[in-house]
Amino acid sequence: MLLAPFTSIESPTRQRVVRRADPGLLPWLLLWALAGALGLCLLPGLRGNALSGLTLPFWLLGAPLLDIAWLTRARWLAALRERVGSRRPRLAR
């Protein structure tokens, strides 16, 4: 499920290597999430039961959404920093 290496394993002295995701991967993950959401809405048997729990809904919807969030984290973190930074009150000197 994880498409990127753990960063906590690396030594702090090593230089981090920025890896870009394959641009063709995101549309497939979006399609997977959309098909999973549609399947969960239309087929009640996919929603899980006492025996299977929520494993199938996770793999149909949760896993692709987590992968999309991980692969696009630089984009949405930059947007979040910009938005939060613009709302900070400026101190008069």
Protein backbone atom coordinates (compact mmCIF):
# COMPACT_ATOMS: atom_id res chain seq x y z
CA MET A 1 0.00 0.00 0.00
CA LEU A 2 2.79 2.42 0.75
CA LEU A 3 4.17 3.97 -2.38
CA ALA A 4 6.88 6.07 -0.76
CA PRO A 5 9.68 5.09 1.62
CA PHE A 6 9.49 5.85 5.30
CA THR A 7 11.42 9.01 6.09
CA SER A 8 11.82 8.20 9.79
CA ILE A 9 14.18 5.31 8.99
CA GLU A 10 16.77 7.49 7.28
CA SER A 11 19.69 8.96 9.16
CA PRO A 12 19.38 12.71 9.80
CA THR A 13 22.84 13.25 8.32
CA ARG A 14 21.91 11.74 4.97
CA GLN A 15 20.65 14.07 2.32
CA ARG A 16 16.99 13.51 1.50
CA VAL A 17 16.20 12.49 -2.04
CA VAL A 18 12.96 13.91 -3.37
CA ARG A 19 11.13 11.34 -5.44
CA ARG A 20 8.24 12.24 -7.69
CA ALA A 21 5.31 9.91 -8.22
CA ASP A 22 4.56 8.67 -11.68
CA PRO A 23 2.11 11.22 -13.16
CA GLY A 24 0.03 8.40 -14.61
CA LEU A 25 -0.56 6.93 -11.14
CA LEU A 26 -2.86 9.64 -9.75
CA PRO A 27 -5.62 9.20 -12.37
CA TRP A 28 -5.64 5.45 -11.68
CA LEU A 29 -5.92 6.05 -7.94
CA LEU A 30 -8.76 8.52 -8.50
CA LEU A 31 -10.53 5.99 -10.71
CA TRP A 32 -10.00 3.30 -8.07
CA ALA A 33 -11.46 5.54 -5.34
CA LEU A 34 -14.41 6.54 -7.53
CA ALA A 35 -15.16 2.91 -8.47
CA GLY A 36 -14.84 1.91 -4.81
CA ALA A 37 -17.21 4.66 -3.66
CA LEU A 38 -19.69 3.73 -6.35
CA GLY A 39 -19.45 0.06 -5.42
CA LEU A 40 -19.94 0.81 -1.73
CA CYS A 41 -23.00 2.93 -2.49
CA LEU A 42 -24.63 0.49 -4.90
CA LEU A 43 -23.69 -2.90 -3.44
CA PRO A 44 -24.47 -3.24 0.27
CA GLY A 45 -22.50 -6.51 0.49
CA LEU A 46 -19.25 -4.58 -0.05
CA ARG A 47 -19.77 -2.47 3.08
CA GLY A 48 -18.53 -5.18 5.39
CA ASN A 49 -20.16 -7.32 8.02
CA ALA A 50 -19.36 -8.87 11.38
CA LEU A 51 -17.07 -11.46 9.80
CA SER A 52 -15.07 -9.28 7.41
CA GLY A 53 -15.19 -6.02 9.33
CA LEU A 54 -14.24 -2.93 7.36
CA THR A 55 -11.34 -4.39 5.40
CA LEU A 56 -13.08 -4.32 2.02
CA PRO A 57 -14.31 -0.70 2.36
CA PHE A 58 -10.78 0.29 3.39
CA TRP A 59 -9.23 -1.28 0.30
CA LEU A 60 -11.95 0.07 -2.00
CA LEU A 61 -11.99 3.65 -0.72
CA GLY A 62 -9.57 4.31 2.15
CA ALA A 63 -6.37 2.98 0.59
CA PRO A 64 -6.56 4.94 -2.68
CA LEU A 65 -7.48 8.15 -0.83
CA LEU A 66 -4.55 7.71 1.57
CA ASP A 67 -2.20 7.09 -1.35
CA ILE A 68 -3.47 10.20 -3.16
CA ALA A 69 -2.99 12.28 0.01
CA TRP A 70 0.56 10.91 0.44
CA LEU A 71 1.57 11.47 -3.17
CA THR A 72 0.21 15.03 -3.28
CA ARG A 73 1.31 16.03 0.24
CA ALA A 74 3.82 18.61 -0.98
CA ARG A 75 1.11 20.43 -2.93
CA TRP A 76 -1.52 20.57 -0.22
CA LEU A 77 0.98 21.27 2.58
CA ALA A 78 2.33 24.26 0.64
CA ALA A 79 -1.22 25.54 0.09
CA LEU A 80 -1.99 25.05 3.79
CA ARG A 81 1.16 26.90 4.85
CA GLU A 82 0.33 29.77 2.52
CA ARG A 83 -3.23 30.01 3.79
CA VAL A 84 -2.30 29.78 7.48
CA GLY A 85 0.60 32.19 7.02
CA SER A 86 -1.62 34.79 5.36
CA ARG A 87 -4.07 34.71 8.29
CA ARG A 88 -1.51 35.37 10.99
CA PRO A 89 -1.82 38.84 12.47
CA ARG A 90 1.17 40.99 11.67
CA LEU A 91 2.93 42.60 14.61
CA ALA A 92 3.61 46.31 14.29
CA ARG A 93 7.20 47.21 15.05
